[in-house]
Amino acid sequence: MESKSGLALQNYFMQMQKLLQFLFITSTIVCGFLVSCAQVPAASHVTIKDNTQEKLTPPHLLKGDQLNGNVRLVIQINDQTATHLSIYRGKPGKLVLLTERTEINNKKVVVYTDSTIDPGKIMNYVYAARNEKKGSMGSDFSNELPAVVNAHPDNVDYFLAFPSGDKIVLYWDDVAKRNSRYIRYSLARHYGPENSRSPLILLAENLAECSFTDEKAQAGNLYTYVLSLTDKEGNNSEKTYTITTSQGAR
C-alpha cells in the first residue's frame, strides 16, 4: 500500500503534465493565428487613387507696350497643355479679372491688347495672367508686369503768342514739368484764320522747351499756330492747340 506522500507526488506530476499540454496547445494556436495575420495576400491590398489635380505651369509676361491708350501684352504660355488664359489688371496684390478664358490655340506666345483704359487718366497698373485647362485647377499667377497707362498727354493750360519786333514769340504750358512725364512738342503754322485752307508748315518738332520764336513771320500777315504734344510711347494729344495772331508792320 502506497504511502499518502507517494500518491500526492504522483498526482502532482499528473497535474503538471496536463498543464504543460494545455500551454503547448494554446501557444500553438496563438502562433498560428499571428502567422496567418502577418501573411496578408496580395489581393487584400487596398489601392487609394490620388485625385489631386496636377497644377499647370504659370505663364510669363514678357513685356507690355503702350500706344494710344491701349496696352499690348506679350505673354509666354510655358505650358502646352493649357487651353485658355485669364488676364488680370490692378494694383500690386489687388488684381481684378480683366478677361476670362482667352483661347490659346496651342500657341507658345499670346499677344493681348487691353483697350479698356479710361482716356486722359494716368494709371499705375500691374498685369498678370494664369494658365487654365478644363478639369484642372489652373496655374499660379504669372509675374506682375507694371505699366503706367495714359491714353493721351494732358492738355496744356495756355498757349500764347506775342509779336516782338519782326518776330512772333510763342509760349505754352509745361505739361512735362507739371506731371513729371516725358513730353515733346511740335509746332506748325499756316496763313490766315483757323479755318483757312492754307497748307500747314512744320516749324519745329521734338521740342523740349515750352517756347518758340518764329523768325520767318512776315509783317502784316495773319497766322494760325498749331501746337501738338507727344509722349515717349508715341501717344499724341487728343487735340491740337491753335492761336491766331498777326506780325506787326515793319
Protein backbone atom coordinates (compact mmCIF):
# COMPACT_ATOMS: atom_id res chain seq x y z
CA MET A 1 0.00 0.00 0.00
CA GLU A 2 1.43 3.22 -1.23
CA SER A 3 2.01 5.91 1.26
CA LYS A 4 -0.02 9.11 1.17
CA SER A 5 3.03 11.19 0.28
CA GLY A 6 3.73 8.99 -2.74
CA LEU A 7 0.17 9.37 -4.04
CA ALA A 8 0.28 13.11 -3.60
CA LEU A 9 3.55 13.33 -5.54
CA GLN A 10 2.13 11.23 -8.37
CA ASN A 11 -0.99 13.37 -8.54
CA TYR A 12 1.16 16.49 -8.65
CA PHE A 13 3.15 15.23 -11.65
CA MET A 14 -0.05 14.32 -13.50
CA GLN A 15 -1.45 17.82 -12.98
CA MET A 16 1.78 19.38 -14.18
CA GLN A 17 1.71 17.20 -17.31
CA LYS A 18 -1.83 18.33 -18.13
CA LEU A 19 -0.85 21.99 -17.58
CA LEU A 20 2.13 21.68 -19.92
CA GLN A 21 -0.06 20.04 -22.58
CA PHE A 22 -2.59 22.88 -22.26
CA LEU A 23 0.12 25.53 -22.55
CA PHE A 24 1.63 23.80 -25.59
CA ILE A 25 -1.70 23.61 -27.40
CA THR A 26 -2.56 27.23 -26.52
CA SER A 27 0.81 28.55 -27.70
CA THR A 28 0.49 26.63 -30.97
CA ILE A 29 -2.90 28.14 -31.68
CA VAL A 30 -1.71 31.68 -30.83
CA CYS A 31 1.41 31.38 -33.01
CA GLY A 32 -0.62 30.07 -35.91
CA PHE A 33 -3.03 32.98 -35.61
CA LEU A 34 -0.20 35.50 -35.55
CA VAL A 35 1.45 33.97 -38.59
CA SER A 36 -1.82 33.98 -40.51
CA CYS A 37 -2.33 37.69 -39.68
CA ALA A 38 1.14 38.59 -40.92
CA GLN A 39 0.66 36.83 -44.24
CA VAL A 40 -1.79 39.21 -46.00
CA PRO A 41 -2.43 38.02 -49.54
CA ALA A 42 -1.73 40.49 -52.38
CA ALA A 43 -5.39 40.51 -53.34
CA SER A 44 -6.27 42.03 -49.99
CA HIS A 45 -4.18 45.19 -50.59
CA VAL A 46 -6.29 48.38 -50.99
CA THR A 47 -5.22 50.89 -53.64
CA ILE A 48 -6.14 54.53 -52.89
CA LYS A 49 -6.48 56.65 -56.02
CA ASP A 50 -4.79 60.04 -55.85
CA ASN A 51 -7.37 62.57 -57.07
CA THR A 52 -5.02 65.51 -56.69
CA GLN A 53 -5.07 67.54 -59.94
CA GLU A 54 -1.74 68.40 -61.45
CA LYS A 55 -1.20 72.17 -61.35
CA LEU A 56 -0.34 73.91 -64.60
CA THR A 57 2.86 75.86 -65.08
CA PRO A 58 2.16 79.62 -64.86
CA PRO A 59 2.72 81.86 -67.91
CA HIS A 60 5.25 84.69 -68.06
CA LEU A 61 4.54 88.27 -69.12
CA LEU A 62 7.42 89.28 -71.35
CA LYS A 63 6.53 92.92 -72.00
CA GLY A 64 3.75 95.47 -72.22
CA ASP A 65 3.80 98.23 -74.82
CA GLN A 66 1.57 101.28 -74.60
CA LEU A 67 0.25 103.10 -77.65
CA ASN A 68 -2.70 105.48 -77.95
CA GLY A 69 -4.27 104.42 -74.69
CA ASN A 70 -4.01 100.66 -75.22
CA VAL A 71 -1.61 98.23 -73.57
CA ARG A 72 -0.26 95.41 -75.73
CA LEU A 73 0.85 92.43 -73.63
CA VAL A 74 3.18 89.71 -74.90
CA ILE A 75 2.61 86.54 -72.85
CA GLN A 76 4.72 83.36 -72.93
CA ILE A 77 2.47 80.37 -72.14
CA ASN A 78 5.10 77.92 -70.70
CA ASP A 79 2.61 75.00 -70.54
CA GLN A 80 1.49 73.39 -73.80
CA THR A 81 -1.32 71.50 -72.02
CA ALA A 82 -3.03 74.79 -71.16
CA THR A 83 -6.05 75.64 -73.32
CA HIS A 84 -7.10 79.05 -72.01
CA LEU A 85 -5.60 82.15 -70.45
CA SER A 86 -7.10 84.53 -67.90
CA ILE A 87 -5.64 88.04 -67.66
CA TYR A 88 -5.74 90.29 -64.61
CA ARG A 89 -5.13 94.00 -64.03
CA GLY A 90 -4.99 96.16 -60.92
CA LYS A 91 -2.68 97.22 -58.14
CA PRO A 92 0.13 95.04 -56.76
CA GLY A 93 -1.51 92.31 -54.70
CA LYS A 94 -5.03 93.52 -55.67
CA LEU A 95 -5.64 92.10 -59.11
CA VAL A 96 -9.06 92.07 -60.78
CA LEU A 97 -10.05 89.74 -63.60
CA LEU A 98 -9.81 91.61 -66.89
CA THR A 99 -10.66 88.87 -69.38
CA GLU A 100 -11.50 85.23 -68.74
CA ARG A 101 -10.62 82.10 -70.73
CA THR A 102 -8.94 83.61 -73.75
CA GLU A 103 -8.20 80.73 -76.11
CA ILE A 104 -4.53 79.79 -76.52
CA ASN A 105 -4.92 77.51 -79.58
CA ASN A 106 -1.61 75.70 -78.96
CA LYS A 107 0.37 78.95 -79.21
CA LYS A 108 3.62 79.38 -77.32
CA VAL A 109 3.17 83.16 -77.17
CA VAL A 110 -0.09 85.09 -76.95
CA VAL A 111 -0.47 88.80 -77.70
CA TYR A 112 -3.35 90.54 -75.91
CA THR A 113 -4.39 94.19 -76.21
CA ASP A 114 -6.11 95.92 -73.31
CA SER A 115 -8.32 98.59 -74.88
CA THR A 116 -10.37 99.35 -71.75
CA ILE A 117 -8.23 102.20 -70.40
CA ASP A 118 -10.08 105.39 -69.48
CA PRO A 119 -8.80 108.12 -71.80
CA GLY A 120 -6.93 111.03 -70.29
CA LYS A 121 -6.14 109.33 -66.97
CA ILE A 122 -2.70 108.35 -65.74
CA MET A 123 -2.93 104.92 -64.10
CA ASN A 124 -0.22 102.82 -62.49
CA TYR A 125 -1.34 99.30 -63.28
CA VAL A 126 0.19 95.86 -62.99
CA TYR A 127 -0.83 92.97 -65.21
CA ALA A 128 -0.71 89.24 -64.52
CA ALA A 129 -2.09 86.05 -66.09
CA ARG A 130 -2.96 82.43 -65.27
CA ASN A 131 -2.99 79.31 -67.45
CA GLU A 132 -6.16 77.22 -67.36
CA LYS A 133 -7.45 73.87 -68.65
CA LYS A 134 -10.82 72.15 -68.28
CA GLY A 135 -10.74 69.78 -65.34
CA SER A 136 -7.61 71.40 -63.95
CA MET A 137 -7.18 73.72 -61.00
CA GLY A 138 -5.19 76.12 -63.18
CA SER A 139 -1.77 77.61 -62.60
CA ASP A 140 -0.49 80.10 -60.08
CA PHE A 141 -0.30 83.74 -61.14
CA SER A 142 2.44 84.82 -63.51
CA ASN A 143 4.89 87.58 -62.74
CA GLU A 144 3.31 91.03 -62.27
CA LEU A 145 4.19 93.41 -65.09
CA PRO A 146 3.88 97.14 -64.24
CA ALA A 147 2.54 99.62 -66.79
CA VAL A 148 1.96 103.37 -66.48
CA VAL A 149 -1.05 103.95 -68.70
CA ASN A 150 -2.16 107.26 -70.10
CA ALA A 151 -4.24 107.48 -73.23
CA HIS A 152 -3.08 110.94 -74.22
CA PRO A 153 -0.80 113.64 -72.85
CA ASP A 154 -2.55 116.16 -70.63
CA ASN A 155 -3.99 119.30 -72.08
CA VAL A 156 -1.99 122.50 -71.93
CA ASP A 157 -3.49 125.22 -69.76
CA TYR A 158 -2.37 128.06 -72.02
CA PHE A 159 -0.91 128.75 -75.46
CA LEU A 160 0.11 132.38 -76.09
CA ALA A 161 1.68 134.36 -78.94
CA PHE A 162 3.27 137.83 -78.75
CA PRO A 163 4.61 139.90 -81.66
CA SER A 164 8.12 141.12 -80.85
CA GLY A 165 9.65 143.42 -83.45
CA ASP A 166 9.84 141.42 -86.67
CA LYS A 167 9.27 138.10 -84.84
CA ILE A 168 6.46 136.23 -83.09
CA VAL A 169 7.27 134.60 -79.74
CA LEU A 170 5.09 131.70 -78.56
CA TYR A 171 4.72 130.31 -75.03
CA TRP A 172 2.76 127.35 -73.65
CA ASP A 173 2.14 125.34 -70.50
CA ASP A 174 4.92 122.94 -69.45
CA VAL A 175 2.90 119.73 -69.21
CA ALA A 176 6.02 117.58 -68.73
CA LYS A 177 7.13 119.51 -65.66
CA ARG A 178 3.63 119.55 -64.23
CA ASN A 179 3.19 115.77 -64.48
CA SER A 180 6.83 114.60 -64.37
CA ARG A 181 6.45 112.93 -67.74
CA TYR A 182 8.44 112.81 -70.91
CA ILE A 183 6.69 115.15 -73.35
CA ARG A 184 7.91 116.64 -76.63
CA TYR A 185 6.18 119.42 -78.54
CA SER A 186 5.68 120.10 -82.24
CA LEU A 187 4.76 123.47 -83.72
CA ALA A 188 3.36 124.35 -87.13
CA ARG A 189 1.53 127.30 -88.71
CA HIS A 190 -0.48 128.31 -91.72
CA TYR A 191 -1.57 131.62 -93.19
CA GLY A 192 -4.92 133.09 -92.29
CA PRO A 193 -7.52 132.24 -89.63
CA GLU A 194 -8.00 128.84 -88.06
CA ASN A 195 -10.45 127.66 -90.73
CA SER A 196 -8.16 128.67 -93.56
CA ARG A 197 -7.28 126.03 -96.17
CA SER A 198 -3.70 127.21 -96.42
CA PRO A 199 -1.12 124.42 -96.13
CA LEU A 200 0.27 123.70 -92.69
CA ILE A 201 4.02 124.35 -92.42
CA LEU A 202 6.01 122.50 -89.75
CA LEU A 203 8.20 124.91 -87.82
CA ALA A 204 9.73 122.59 -85.20
CA GLU A 205 9.30 119.13 -83.70
CA ASN A 206 10.55 117.23 -80.64
CA LEU A 207 10.88 120.48 -78.72
CA ALA A 208 11.70 120.06 -75.03
CA GLU A 209 11.32 123.78 -74.27
CA CYS A 210 7.95 125.46 -73.85
CA SER A 211 8.63 128.44 -76.06
CA PHE A 212 9.50 129.11 -79.69
CA THR A 213 10.38 132.21 -81.70
CA ASP A 214 9.10 132.36 -85.26
CA GLU A 215 11.71 134.43 -87.06
CA LYS A 216 10.20 133.90 -90.51
CA ALA A 217 6.88 135.58 -89.91
CA GLN A 218 6.22 138.35 -92.41
CA ALA A 219 4.92 141.78 -91.46
CA GLY A 220 1.19 142.34 -91.80
CA ASN A 221 0.25 138.65 -92.22
CA LEU A 222 -2.25 136.76 -90.12
CA TYR A 223 -1.02 133.37 -88.84
CA THR A 224 -2.58 130.42 -87.06
CA TYR A 225 -0.17 128.34 -84.98
CA VAL A 226 -0.83 124.68 -84.14
CA LEU A 227 0.73 123.01 -81.08
CA SER A 228 0.68 119.23 -80.51
CA LEU A 229 2.13 117.02 -77.78
CA THR A 230 3.75 113.57 -77.97
CA ASP A 231 4.92 111.35 -75.10
CA LYS A 232 7.68 108.73 -75.14
CA GLU A 233 5.25 105.94 -76.05
CA GLY A 234 4.26 107.83 -79.18
CA ASN A 235 0.85 108.92 -77.90
CA ASN A 236 -0.30 112.21 -79.41
CA SER A 237 -2.50 114.78 -77.75
CA GLU A 238 -6.18 114.29 -78.48
CA LYS A 239 -6.42 117.73 -79.93
CA THR A 240 -4.16 120.46 -81.22
CA TYR A 241 -3.98 123.96 -79.82
CA THR A 242 -4.32 126.93 -82.13
CA ILE A 243 -3.73 130.63 -81.79
CA THR A 244 -4.11 133.32 -84.42
CA THR A 245 -2.02 136.46 -84.42
CA SER A 246 -0.52 138.93 -86.84
CA GLN A 247 3.02 140.20 -87.07
CA GLY A 248 3.19 143.95 -86.74
CA ALA A 249 4.18 146.24 -89.62
CA ARG A 250 7.89 146.97 -90.01
